[in-house]
Amino acid sequence: MNSELYDNYLMQSDLQRQAGQNQMSAYAPQLHEQVQQAQAVLIAQTNPKEILREIELKLRGEREKYDGTIEQISPPLMNQIGRSRILFFMDILINQNTILSHIEDREISKLIIAVGEDLLMDLAINWREYGVKDRSMLNLIEKSVLVPGFLALKRALGQGEKNWLGKITVENISQNRGGIAPKKEGVLSKLRL
C-alpha cells in the first residue's frame, strides 16, 4: 500500500469515527429519557400502594380479576371506618420510602412486631365499631394485613429493591441500546477503498 492510499485510509477511518461519535451524542438525551422511562415503569410496577390496594380489596371481600374488573368473593370483613384505620396503620409500614430503604432482618422483625401489636390492640378495642361480625375474625384480619406488610419489608432487606431496580434498569438499557441509533448510510459510507 503506498503512502497516499494509506493517508486516505487513515483520514476516512478518522472521519467515520467522528461521525459515529457525533451520531451517538445526538442520541444521548434520548438515552437519558429512556433510562427515566424504564425506571418510572419499574417503580410503578413494584409500587407498594398496590399492596395496600390488595389489602383493602381483601377487607372488602373483593378481588380484582385479570381484566381489571372487581368481583365480590365474600362478605366484607369490616366497614369503611375499620378499613381506613387499618390502611392508615399499614401505610406507615408499606410505602415507597420503606421499600427503597436499607433494612436489616432485625429491623424488619421489630417493625412488624410493633405495627402488629398496635394493629391487634386497635382491632381488639374497636372491632364492633369497625363492623367485624365475629371476634374470631380478628386473627384472620390481622394476618391478611401483616403478611403482605412483612413481605413488602423483606423487599428492602439489604437494599434488595434498590439493587434490583438498578440492575433491571441497566439490563433494559443495554438490551435496547442497539435500537436507539439506527445506522444510516451517509456520504462516508460511499467512500470505500
N, C-alpha and C. Protein backbone atom coordinates (compact mmCIF):
# COMPACT_ATOMS: atom_id res chain seq x y z
N MET A 1 0.85 -1.16 0.00
CA MET A 1 0.00 0.00 0.00
C MET A 1 0.91 1.24 0.00
N ASN A 2 0.67 2.16 -0.94
CA ASN A 2 1.53 3.34 -0.96
C ASN A 2 1.06 4.34 0.09
N SER A 3 1.88 5.33 0.34
CA SER A 3 1.62 6.26 1.45
C SER A 3 0.39 7.11 1.20
N GLU A 4 0.10 7.46 -0.06
CA GLU A 4 -1.09 8.27 -0.34
C GLU A 4 -2.37 7.48 -0.02
N LEU A 5 -2.43 6.23 -0.42
CA LEU A 5 -3.59 5.38 -0.11
C LEU A 5 -3.73 5.18 1.40
N TYR A 6 -2.60 5.00 2.05
CA TYR A 6 -2.63 4.80 3.50
C TYR A 6 -3.12 6.05 4.21
N ASP A 7 -2.67 7.24 3.76
CA ASP A 7 -3.14 8.50 4.34
C ASP A 7 -4.64 8.68 4.12
N ASN A 8 -5.12 8.33 2.91
CA ASN A 8 -6.57 8.40 2.63
C ASN A 8 -7.34 7.44 3.54
N TYR A 9 -6.79 6.27 3.72
CA TYR A 9 -7.43 5.28 4.60
C TYR A 9 -7.53 5.82 6.03
N LEU A 10 -6.46 6.41 6.54
CA LEU A 10 -6.46 6.97 7.90
C LEU A 10 -7.46 8.11 8.03
N MET A 11 -7.52 8.99 7.01
CA MET A 11 -8.48 10.10 7.06
C MET A 11 -9.91 9.57 7.03
N GLN A 12 -10.19 8.58 6.18
CA GLN A 12 -11.53 8.01 6.11
C GLN A 12 -11.90 7.35 7.44
N SER A 13 -10.97 6.64 8.01
CA SER A 13 -11.20 5.98 9.29
C SER A 13 -11.50 7.00 10.38
N ASP A 14 -10.75 8.09 10.39
CA ASP A 14 -10.95 9.15 11.37
C ASP A 14 -12.31 9.82 11.17
N LEU A 15 -12.68 10.09 9.93
CA LEU A 15 -13.99 10.70 9.64
C LEU A 15 -15.13 9.79 10.08
N GLN A 16 -15.00 8.49 9.84
CA GLN A 16 -16.04 7.55 10.25
C GLN A 16 -16.16 7.51 11.77
N ARG A 17 -15.03 7.52 12.47
CA ARG A 17 -15.05 7.51 13.93
C ARG A 17 -15.74 8.76 14.46
N GLN A 18 -15.40 9.94 13.90
CA GLN A 18 -16.02 11.19 14.32
C GLN A 18 -17.52 11.19 14.03
N ALA A 19 -17.89 10.69 12.87
CA ALA A 19 -19.31 10.65 12.51
C ALA A 19 -20.07 9.73 13.47
N GLY A 20 -19.48 8.61 13.83
CA GLY A 20 -20.12 7.69 14.79
C GLY A 20 -20.28 8.32 16.15
N GLN A 21 -19.26 9.05 16.60
CA GLN A 21 -19.35 9.74 17.89
C GLN A 21 -20.42 10.82 17.86
N ASN A 22 -20.47 11.58 16.77
CA ASN A 22 -21.48 12.63 16.64
C ASN A 22 -22.89 12.04 16.62
N GLN A 23 -23.03 10.92 15.93
CA GLN A 23 -24.34 10.29 15.85
C GLN A 23 -24.79 9.80 17.22
N MET A 24 -23.90 9.20 17.99
CA MET A 24 -24.25 8.70 19.33
C MET A 24 -24.53 9.84 20.29
N SER A 25 -23.77 10.95 20.18
CA SER A 25 -24.01 12.07 21.10
C SER A 25 -25.36 12.72 20.83
N ALA A 26 -25.84 12.63 19.60
CA ALA A 26 -27.16 13.17 19.29
C ALA A 26 -28.25 12.38 20.00
N TYR A 27 -27.99 11.12 20.32
CA TYR A 27 -28.99 10.29 20.97
C TYR A 27 -28.85 10.26 22.49
N ALA A 28 -27.87 10.96 23.05
CA ALA A 28 -27.66 10.96 24.50
C ALA A 28 -28.90 11.45 25.26
N PRO A 29 -29.57 12.54 24.84
CA PRO A 29 -30.79 12.93 25.56
C PRO A 29 -31.87 11.84 25.49
N GLN A 30 -31.97 11.15 24.36
CA GLN A 30 -32.96 10.08 24.24
C GLN A 30 -32.60 8.93 25.16
N LEU A 31 -31.32 8.63 25.29
CA LEU A 31 -30.88 7.57 26.18
C LEU A 31 -31.22 7.92 27.62
N HIS A 32 -30.98 9.16 28.01
CA HIS A 32 -31.31 9.61 29.36
C HIS A 32 -32.82 9.51 29.60
N GLU A 33 -33.60 9.92 28.61
CA GLU A 33 -35.06 9.83 28.73
C GLU A 33 -35.50 8.37 28.83
N GLN A 34 -34.85 7.49 28.08
CA GLN A 34 -35.19 6.07 28.12
C GLN A 34 -34.89 5.49 29.51
N VAL A 35 -33.78 5.92 30.11
CA VAL A 35 -33.44 5.48 31.46
C VAL A 35 -34.55 5.90 32.42
N GLN A 36 -34.97 7.14 32.34
CA GLN A 36 -36.00 7.64 33.23
C GLN A 36 -37.32 6.91 33.02
N GLN A 37 -37.68 6.63 31.78
CA GLN A 37 -38.92 5.92 31.50
C GLN A 37 -38.87 4.50 32.04
N ALA A 38 -37.75 3.82 31.85
CA ALA A 38 -37.61 2.45 32.36
C ALA A 38 -37.71 2.43 33.88
N GLN A 39 -37.08 3.40 34.53
CA GLN A 39 -37.16 3.46 35.99
C GLN A 39 -38.60 3.74 36.44
N ALA A 40 -39.27 4.66 35.78
CA ALA A 40 -40.64 5.00 36.16
C ALA A 40 -41.58 3.81 36.01
N VAL A 41 -41.43 3.07 34.93
CA VAL A 41 -42.27 1.90 34.70
C VAL A 41 -42.04 0.85 35.78
N LEU A 42 -40.77 0.60 36.10
CA LEU A 42 -40.46 -0.40 37.12
C LEU A 42 -40.95 0.01 38.50
N ILE A 43 -40.81 1.27 38.82
CA ILE A 43 -41.28 1.74 40.12
C ILE A 43 -42.80 1.64 40.19
N ALA A 44 -43.48 1.97 39.10
CA ALA A 44 -44.94 1.83 39.09
C ALA A 44 -45.36 0.38 39.25
N GLN A 45 -44.64 -0.53 38.60
CA GLN A 45 -45.00 -1.95 38.69
C GLN A 45 -44.75 -2.53 40.07
N THR A 46 -43.79 -1.99 40.79
CA THR A 46 -43.47 -2.51 42.12
C THR A 46 -43.97 -1.58 43.22
N ASN A 47 -44.90 -0.72 42.89
CA ASN A 47 -45.41 0.28 43.82
C ASN A 47 -46.07 -0.37 45.03
N PRO A 48 -45.62 -0.01 46.23
CA PRO A 48 -46.24 -0.57 47.44
C PRO A 48 -47.70 -0.20 47.61
N LYS A 49 -48.15 0.85 46.95
CA LYS A 49 -49.57 1.23 47.04
C LYS A 49 -50.46 0.12 46.47
N GLU A 50 -49.91 -0.67 45.56
CA GLU A 50 -50.67 -1.81 45.02
C GLU A 50 -50.91 -2.86 46.11
N ILE A 51 -49.94 -3.01 47.03
CA ILE A 51 -50.11 -3.94 48.14
C ILE A 51 -51.23 -3.44 49.04
N LEU A 52 -51.25 -2.14 49.31
CA LEU A 52 -52.32 -1.57 50.13
C LEU A 52 -53.68 -1.74 49.46
N ARG A 53 -53.70 -1.61 48.16
CA ARG A 53 -54.96 -1.80 47.41
C ARG A 53 -55.45 -3.24 47.54
N GLU A 54 -54.52 -4.20 47.44
CA GLU A 54 -54.89 -5.61 47.59
C GLU A 54 -55.43 -5.89 48.99
N ILE A 55 -54.81 -5.29 50.01
CA ILE A 55 -55.29 -5.45 51.39
C ILE A 55 -56.70 -4.90 51.51
N GLU A 56 -56.92 -3.73 50.95
CA GLU A 56 -58.26 -3.13 51.02
C GLU A 56 -59.29 -4.01 50.32
N LEU A 57 -58.96 -4.54 49.16
CA LEU A 57 -59.89 -5.43 48.46
C LEU A 57 -60.22 -6.65 49.31
N LYS A 58 -59.23 -7.24 49.97
CA LYS A 58 -59.48 -8.39 50.84
C LYS A 58 -60.42 -8.03 51.97
N LEU A 59 -60.20 -6.87 52.57
CA LEU A 59 -61.05 -6.45 53.68
C LEU A 59 -62.48 -6.15 53.21
N ARG A 60 -62.63 -5.76 51.96
CA ARG A 60 -63.98 -5.54 51.40
C ARG A 60 -64.60 -6.83 50.89
N GLY A 61 -63.82 -7.92 50.91
CA GLY A 61 -64.31 -9.21 50.41
C GLY A 61 -64.32 -9.28 48.90
N GLU A 62 -63.42 -8.57 48.28
CA GLU A 62 -63.38 -8.49 46.82
C GLU A 62 -62.01 -8.91 46.30
N ARG A 63 -61.97 -9.16 45.00
CA ARG A 63 -60.69 -9.39 44.33
C ARG A 63 -60.79 -8.84 42.92
N GLU A 64 -59.61 -8.52 42.38
CA GLU A 64 -59.55 -7.98 41.03
C GLU A 64 -59.28 -9.11 40.06
N LYS A 65 -60.10 -9.20 39.04
CA LYS A 65 -59.90 -10.22 38.01
C LYS A 65 -58.82 -9.75 37.03
N TYR A 66 -58.40 -10.65 36.17
CA TYR A 66 -57.32 -10.34 35.22
C TYR A 66 -57.69 -9.21 34.27
N ASP A 67 -58.97 -9.05 33.99
CA ASP A 67 -59.38 -7.99 33.07
C ASP A 67 -59.57 -6.65 33.78
N GLY A 68 -59.30 -6.59 35.09
CA GLY A 68 -59.38 -5.34 35.84
C GLY A 68 -60.70 -5.12 36.55
N THR A 69 -61.69 -5.97 36.30
CA THR A 69 -62.97 -5.82 37.00
C THR A 69 -62.86 -6.39 38.41
N ILE A 70 -63.68 -5.86 39.28
CA ILE A 70 -63.69 -6.27 40.68
C ILE A 70 -64.90 -7.17 40.90
N GLU A 71 -64.67 -8.29 41.59
CA GLU A 71 -65.78 -9.19 41.90
C GLU A 71 -65.84 -9.43 43.40
N GLN A 72 -67.04 -9.58 43.90
CA GLN A 72 -67.27 -9.86 45.31
C GLN A 72 -67.10 -11.36 45.52
N ILE A 73 -66.22 -11.75 46.45
CA ILE A 73 -65.99 -13.17 46.70
C ILE A 73 -66.43 -13.60 48.09
N SER A 74 -66.68 -12.63 48.97
CA SER A 74 -67.17 -12.93 50.32
C SER A 74 -67.78 -11.67 50.90
N PRO A 75 -68.49 -11.80 52.01
CA PRO A 75 -68.98 -10.58 52.66
C PRO A 75 -67.79 -9.75 53.16
N PRO A 76 -67.94 -8.44 53.23
CA PRO A 76 -66.85 -7.60 53.74
C PRO A 76 -66.46 -8.01 55.16
N LEU A 77 -65.17 -7.99 55.44
CA LEU A 77 -64.70 -8.33 56.78
C LEU A 77 -64.94 -7.19 57.77
N MET A 78 -65.03 -5.97 57.28
CA MET A 78 -65.27 -4.81 58.14
C MET A 78 -65.80 -3.65 57.33
N ASN A 79 -66.25 -2.61 58.02
CA ASN A 79 -66.81 -1.44 57.34
C ASN A 79 -65.71 -0.45 56.92
N GLN A 80 -66.14 0.66 56.35
CA GLN A 80 -65.20 1.66 55.83
C GLN A 80 -64.35 2.26 56.93
N ILE A 81 -64.90 2.47 58.11
CA ILE A 81 -64.13 3.04 59.22
C ILE A 81 -62.95 2.12 59.56
N GLY A 82 -63.22 0.83 59.68
CA GLY A 82 -62.16 -0.13 60.01
C GLY A 82 -61.12 -0.23 58.90
N ARG A 83 -61.59 -0.27 57.66
CA ARG A 83 -60.64 -0.35 56.53
C ARG A 83 -59.73 0.86 56.49
N SER A 84 -60.30 2.03 56.70
CA SER A 84 -59.50 3.26 56.69
C SER A 84 -58.45 3.23 57.78
N ARG A 85 -58.83 2.77 58.96
CA ARG A 85 -57.90 2.72 60.08
C ARG A 85 -56.76 1.74 59.82
N ILE A 86 -57.10 0.56 59.30
CA ILE A 86 -56.07 -0.45 59.02
C ILE A 86 -55.14 0.03 57.91
N LEU A 87 -55.68 0.64 56.89
CA LEU A 87 -54.84 1.14 55.80
C LEU A 87 -53.93 2.26 56.29
N PHE A 88 -54.39 3.04 57.26
CA PHE A 88 -53.53 4.06 57.87
C PHE A 88 -52.35 3.39 58.57
N PHE A 89 -52.63 2.35 59.36
CA PHE A 89 -51.56 1.61 60.03
C PHE A 89 -50.57 1.05 59.02
N MET A 90 -51.08 0.46 57.96
CA MET A 90 -50.21 -0.21 57.01
C MET A 90 -49.46 0.76 56.11
N ASP A 91 -50.02 1.95 55.90
CA ASP A 91 -49.33 2.94 55.09
C ASP A 91 -48.03 3.38 55.77
N ILE A 92 -47.99 3.31 57.07
CA ILE A 92 -46.76 3.60 57.81
C ILE A 92 -45.69 2.58 57.44
N LEU A 93 -46.10 1.35 57.26
CA LEU A 93 -45.19 0.23 57.03
C LEU A 93 -44.89 0.01 55.55
N ILE A 94 -45.91 0.12 54.73
CA ILE A 94 -45.77 -0.19 53.30
C ILE A 94 -45.84 1.11 52.50
N ASN A 95 -44.68 1.65 52.18
CA ASN A 95 -44.61 2.85 51.35
C ASN A 95 -43.30 2.83 50.56
N GLN A 96 -43.20 3.71 49.60
CA GLN A 96 -42.04 3.72 48.71
C GLN A 96 -40.73 3.96 49.47
N ASN A 97 -40.77 4.85 50.46
CA ASN A 97 -39.55 5.12 51.23
C ASN A 97 -39.06 3.89 51.96
N THR A 98 -39.98 3.15 52.55
CA THR A 98 -39.60 1.96 53.29
C THR A 98 -39.04 0.90 52.36
N ILE A 99 -39.72 0.67 51.25
CA ILE A 99 -39.32 -0.38 50.32
C ILE A 99 -37.94 -0.10 49.72
N LEU A 100 -37.63 1.17 49.48
CA LEU A 100 -36.35 1.52 48.87
C LEU A 100 -35.27 1.82 49.91
N SER A 101 -35.55 1.50 51.16
CA SER A 101 -34.57 1.72 52.23
C SER A 101 -33.62 0.55 52.32
N HIS A 102 -32.69 0.68 53.25
CA HIS A 102 -31.75 -0.40 53.57
C HIS A 102 -32.13 -0.90 54.96
N ILE A 103 -32.86 -2.01 55.00
CA ILE A 103 -33.36 -2.54 56.27
C ILE A 103 -32.72 -3.90 56.51
N GLU A 104 -32.39 -4.17 57.75
CA GLU A 104 -31.83 -5.46 58.15
C GLU A 104 -32.92 -6.33 58.76
N ASP A 105 -32.65 -7.64 58.86
CA ASP A 105 -33.63 -8.59 59.41
C ASP A 105 -34.14 -8.16 60.78
N ARG A 106 -33.22 -7.73 61.63
CA ARG A 106 -33.59 -7.33 62.99
C ARG A 106 -34.61 -6.19 62.96
N GLU A 107 -34.36 -5.21 62.10
CA GLU A 107 -35.25 -4.05 62.00
C GLU A 107 -36.61 -4.45 61.44
N ILE A 108 -36.62 -5.36 60.48
CA ILE A 108 -37.89 -5.83 59.92
C ILE A 108 -38.72 -6.49 61.01
N SER A 109 -38.09 -7.33 61.80
CA SER A 109 -38.80 -8.01 62.90
C SER A 109 -39.37 -7.01 63.88
N LYS A 110 -38.57 -6.04 64.26
CA LYS A 110 -39.04 -5.03 65.22
C LYS A 110 -40.21 -4.22 64.66
N LEU A 111 -40.09 -3.81 63.40
CA LEU A 111 -41.15 -3.02 62.78
C LEU A 111 -42.46 -3.80 62.69
N ILE A 112 -42.38 -5.04 62.22
CA ILE A 112 -43.60 -5.82 62.02
C ILE A 112 -44.25 -6.16 63.36
N ILE A 113 -43.45 -6.41 64.37
CA ILE A 113 -44.00 -6.69 65.70
C ILE A 113 -44.67 -5.45 66.28
N ALA A 114 -44.01 -4.30 66.17
CA ALA A 114 -44.57 -3.05 66.70
C ALA A 114 -45.89 -2.70 66.03
N VAL A 115 -45.90 -2.73 64.70
CA VAL A 115 -47.13 -2.40 63.97
C VAL A 115 -48.20 -3.46 64.25
N GLY A 116 -47.80 -4.74 64.31
CA GLY A 116 -48.75 -5.81 64.59
C GLY A 116 -49.40 -5.67 65.95
N GLU A 117 -48.61 -5.31 66.97
CA GLU A 117 -49.17 -5.12 68.31
C GLU A 117 -50.16 -3.97 68.33
N ASP A 118 -49.78 -2.86 67.69
CA ASP A 118 -50.69 -1.70 67.64
C ASP A 118 -51.96 -2.04 66.88
N LEU A 119 -51.82 -2.73 65.78
CA LEU A 119 -52.97 -3.13 64.96
C LEU A 119 -53.89 -4.05 65.74
N LEU A 120 -53.33 -5.07 66.38
CA LEU A 120 -54.14 -6.02 67.13
C LEU A 120 -54.84 -5.34 68.30
N MET A 121 -54.16 -4.44 68.98
CA MET A 121 -54.77 -3.69 70.08
C MET A 121 -55.94 -2.86 69.58
N ASP A 122 -55.74 -2.17 68.47
CA ASP A 122 -56.81 -1.36 67.89
C ASP A 122 -57.99 -2.22 67.48
N LEU A 123 -57.72 -3.36 66.84
CA LEU A 123 -58.80 -4.27 66.45
C LEU A 123 -59.54 -4.81 67.66
N ALA A 124 -58.81 -5.17 68.72
CA ALA A 124 -59.44 -5.74 69.92
C ALA A 124 -60.35 -4.73 70.61
N ILE A 125 -59.96 -3.47 70.58
CA ILE A 125 -60.75 -2.43 71.23
C ILE A 125 -61.94 -2.00 70.38
N ASN A 126 -61.74 -1.86 69.08
CA ASN A 126 -62.74 -1.24 68.20
C ASN A 126 -63.44 -2.19 67.25
N TRP A 127 -63.38 -3.49 67.46
CA TRP A 127 -63.91 -4.43 66.48
C TRP A 127 -65.39 -4.22 66.20
N ARG A 128 -66.16 -3.85 67.19
CA ARG A 128 -67.61 -3.60 66.96
C ARG A 128 -67.80 -2.34 66.10
N GLU A 129 -67.06 -1.30 66.43
CA GLU A 129 -67.15 -0.05 65.67
C GLU A 129 -66.74 -0.26 64.21
N TYR A 130 -65.81 -1.21 63.99
CA TYR A 130 -65.33 -1.49 62.64
C TYR A 130 -66.25 -2.43 61.87
N GLY A 131 -67.33 -2.85 62.51
CA GLY A 131 -68.31 -3.70 61.82
C GLY A 131 -67.87 -5.14 61.64
N VAL A 132 -66.93 -5.60 62.48
CA VAL A 132 -66.50 -7.00 62.41
C VAL A 132 -67.60 -7.83 63.06
N LYS A 133 -68.13 -8.80 62.33
CA LYS A 133 -69.29 -9.58 62.80
C LYS A 133 -68.93 -10.55 63.93
N ASP A 134 -67.75 -11.13 63.87
CA ASP A 134 -67.36 -12.16 64.83
C ASP A 134 -65.93 -11.87 65.30
N ARG A 135 -65.75 -11.85 66.61
CA ARG A 135 -64.43 -11.54 67.16
C ARG A 135 -63.36 -12.55 66.73
N SER A 136 -63.77 -13.75 66.39
CA SER A 136 -62.80 -14.76 65.94
C SER A 136 -62.18 -14.39 64.59
N MET A 137 -62.75 -13.43 63.89
CA MET A 137 -62.21 -12.97 62.60
C MET A 137 -61.01 -12.04 62.76
N LEU A 138 -60.75 -11.58 63.98
CA LEU A 138 -59.67 -10.62 64.21
C LEU A 138 -58.30 -11.18 63.81
N ASN A 139 -58.05 -12.46 64.13
CA ASN A 139 -56.77 -13.07 63.74
C ASN A 139 -56.63 -13.16 62.23
N LEU A 140 -57.71 -13.52 61.56
CA LEU A 140 -57.69 -13.59 60.10
C LEU A 140 -57.40 -12.21 59.50
N ILE A 141 -58.07 -11.20 60.04
CA ILE A 141 -57.86 -9.84 59.54
C ILE A 141 -56.41 -9.42 59.78
N GLU A 142 -55.91 -9.69 60.99
CA GLU A 142 -54.53 -9.31 61.31
C GLU A 142 -53.54 -9.97 60.36
N LYS A 143 -53.68 -11.25 60.12
CA LYS A 143 -52.73 -11.97 59.26
C LYS A 143 -52.87 -11.54 57.79
N SER A 144 -54.08 -11.29 57.35
CA SER A 144 -54.25 -10.88 55.96
C SER A 144 -53.68 -9.49 55.71
N VAL A 145 -53.43 -8.75 56.78
CA VAL A 145 -52.85 -7.43 56.65
C VAL A 145 -51.33 -7.46 56.90
N LEU A 146 -50.90 -8.19 57.91
CA LEU A 146 -49.48 -8.18 58.29
C LEU A 146 -48.59 -9.01 57.38
N VAL A 147 -49.09 -10.09 56.84
CA VAL A 147 -48.24 -10.92 55.96
C VAL A 147 -47.80 -10.13 54.72
N PRO A 148 -48.72 -9.46 54.01
CA PRO A 148 -48.22 -8.64 52.88
C PRO A 148 -47.28 -7.52 53.34
N GLY A 149 -47.53 -6.98 54.53
CA GLY A 149 -46.63 -5.95 55.06
C GLY A 149 -45.24 -6.50 55.32
N PHE A 150 -45.18 -7.69 55.90
CA PHE A 150 -43.90 -8.33 56.17
C PHE A 150 -43.15 -8.61 54.87
N LEU A 151 -43.85 -9.15 53.89
CA LEU A 151 -43.21 -9.46 52.61
C LEU A 151 -42.75 -8.19 51.89
N ALA A 152 -43.50 -7.11 52.04
CA ALA A 152 -43.07 -5.84 51.44
C ALA A 152 -41.79 -5.34 52.09
N LEU A 153 -41.70 -5.50 53.42
CA LEU A 153 -40.47 -5.09 54.11
C LEU A 153 -39.29 -5.96 53.70
N LYS A 154 -39.53 -7.22 53.43
CA LYS A 154 -38.44 -8.11 53.02
C LYS A 154 -37.83 -7.65 51.69
N ARG A 155 -38.59 -6.94 50.87
CA ARG A 155 -38.05 -6.41 49.62
C ARG A 155 -36.95 -5.41 49.88
N ALA A 156 -36.98 -4.75 51.05
CA ALA A 156 -35.98 -3.75 51.39
C ALA A 156 -34.75 -4.35 52.06
N LEU A 157 -34.78 -5.65 52.34
CA LEU A 157 -33.68 -6.30 53.04
C LEU A 157 -32.37 -6.12 52.27
N GLY A 158 -31.41 -5.50 52.90
CA GLY A 158 -30.10 -5.27 52.27
C GLY A 158 -30.18 -4.46 51.00
N GLN A 159 -31.09 -3.51 50.94
CA GLN A 159 -31.34 -2.67 49.76
C GLN A 159 -31.74 -3.51 48.56
N GLY A 160 -32.41 -4.62 48.81
CA GLY A 160 -32.77 -5.53 47.73
C GLY A 160 -33.57 -4.88 46.62
N GLU A 161 -34.57 -4.10 46.97
CA GLU A 161 -35.41 -3.47 45.96
C GLU A 161 -34.61 -2.44 45.16
N LYS A 162 -33.79 -1.66 45.85
CA LYS A 162 -32.97 -0.66 45.18
C LYS A 162 -32.00 -1.32 44.21
N ASN A 163 -31.34 -2.37 44.68
CA ASN A 163 -30.38 -3.08 43.83
C ASN A 163 -31.08 -3.72 42.64
N TRP A 164 -32.24 -4.30 42.88
CA TRP A 164 -33.00 -4.95 41.81
C TRP A 164 -33.42 -3.93 40.76
N LEU A 165 -33.94 -2.78 41.20
CA LEU A 165 -34.36 -1.75 40.25
C LEU A 165 -33.18 -1.27 39.42
N GLY A 166 -32.03 -1.05 40.07
CA GLY A 166 -30.85 -0.60 39.34
C GLY A 166 -30.39 -1.63 38.33
N LYS A 167 -30.39 -2.90 38.71
CA LYS A 167 -29.94 -3.97 37.80
C LYS A 167 -30.88 -4.10 36.61
N ILE A 168 -32.18 -4.08 36.85
CA ILE A 168 -33.16 -4.22 35.77
C ILE A 168 -33.07 -3.03 34.82
N THR A 169 -32.90 -1.83 35.36
CA THR A 169 -32.80 -0.64 34.51
C THR A 169 -31.59 -0.74 33.61
N VAL A 170 -30.45 -1.12 34.16
CA VAL A 170 -29.23 -1.25 33.35
C VAL A 170 -29.41 -2.33 32.29
N GLU A 171 -30.03 -3.46 32.65
CA GLU A 171 -30.25 -4.52 31.67
C GLU A 171 -31.17 -4.06 30.55
N ASN A 172 -32.25 -3.35 30.88
CA ASN A 172 -33.17 -2.86 29.86
C ASN A 172 -32.48 -1.93 28.89
N ILE A 173 -31.66 -1.03 29.42
CA ILE A 173 -31.00 -0.06 28.57
C ILE A 173 -29.97 -0.75 27.68
N SER A 174 -29.20 -1.67 28.26
CA SER A 174 -28.18 -2.33 27.45
C SER A 174 -28.79 -3.22 26.38
N GLN A 175 -29.96 -3.80 26.65
CA GLN A 175 -30.62 -4.63 25.64
C GLN A 175 -31.21 -3.78 24.53
N ASN A 176 -31.69 -2.59 24.87
CA ASN A 176 -32.34 -1.73 23.88
C ASN A 176 -31.38 -0.75 23.22
N ARG A 177 -30.15 -0.73 23.66
CA ARG A 177 -29.21 0.27 23.15
C ARG A 177 -29.00 0.16 21.66
N GLY A 178 -28.97 -1.05 21.15
CA GLY A 178 -28.77 -1.24 19.72
C GLY A 178 -29.89 -0.62 18.90
N GLY A 179 -31.08 -0.53 19.43
CA GLY A 179 -32.21 0.01 18.69
C GLY A 179 -32.34 1.51 18.80
N ILE A 180 -31.49 2.16 19.58
CA ILE A 180 -31.63 3.59 19.78
C ILE A 180 -31.18 4.37 18.56
N ALA A 181 -30.00 4.07 18.06
CA ALA A 181 -29.43 4.84 16.97
C ALA A 181 -29.33 3.97 15.73
N PRO A 182 -30.34 4.03 14.87
CA PRO A 182 -30.28 3.22 13.66
C PRO A 182 -29.15 3.71 12.76
N LYS A 183 -28.44 2.76 12.18
CA LYS A 183 -27.31 3.09 11.32
C LYS A 183 -27.84 3.59 9.98
N LYS A 184 -27.36 4.74 9.59
CA LYS A 184 -27.80 5.35 8.33
C LYS A 184 -26.64 5.34 7.35
N GLU A 185 -26.99 5.21 6.10
CA GLU A 185 -26.00 5.32 5.03
C GLU A 185 -25.72 6.81 4.81
N GLY A 186 -24.48 7.16 4.85
CA GLY A 186 -24.12 8.56 4.65
C GLY A 186 -23.08 8.69 3.57
N VAL A 187 -22.57 9.91 3.45
CA VAL A 187 -21.56 10.20 2.44
C VAL A 187 -20.30 9.37 2.70
N LEU A 188 -19.94 9.20 3.96
CA LEU A 188 -18.71 8.48 4.29
C LEU A 188 -18.78 6.99 3.89
N SER A 189 -19.96 6.43 3.90
CA SER A 189 -20.08 5.02 3.56
C SER A 189 -19.84 4.78 2.07
N LYS A 190 -19.96 5.82 1.29
CA LYS A 190 -19.73 5.70 -0.15
C LYS A 190 -18.26 5.85 -0.52
N LEU A 191 -17.45 6.30 0.43
CA LEU A 191 -16.01 6.47 0.20
C LEU A 191 -15.27 5.21 0.58
N ARG A 192 -15.51 4.16 -0.10
CA ARG A 192 -14.85 2.89 0.20
C ARG A 192 -13.63 2.70 -0.67
N LEU A 193 -12.66 2.08 -0.09
CA LEU A 193 -11.43 1.83 -0.84
C LEU A 193 -11.51 0.52 -1.58
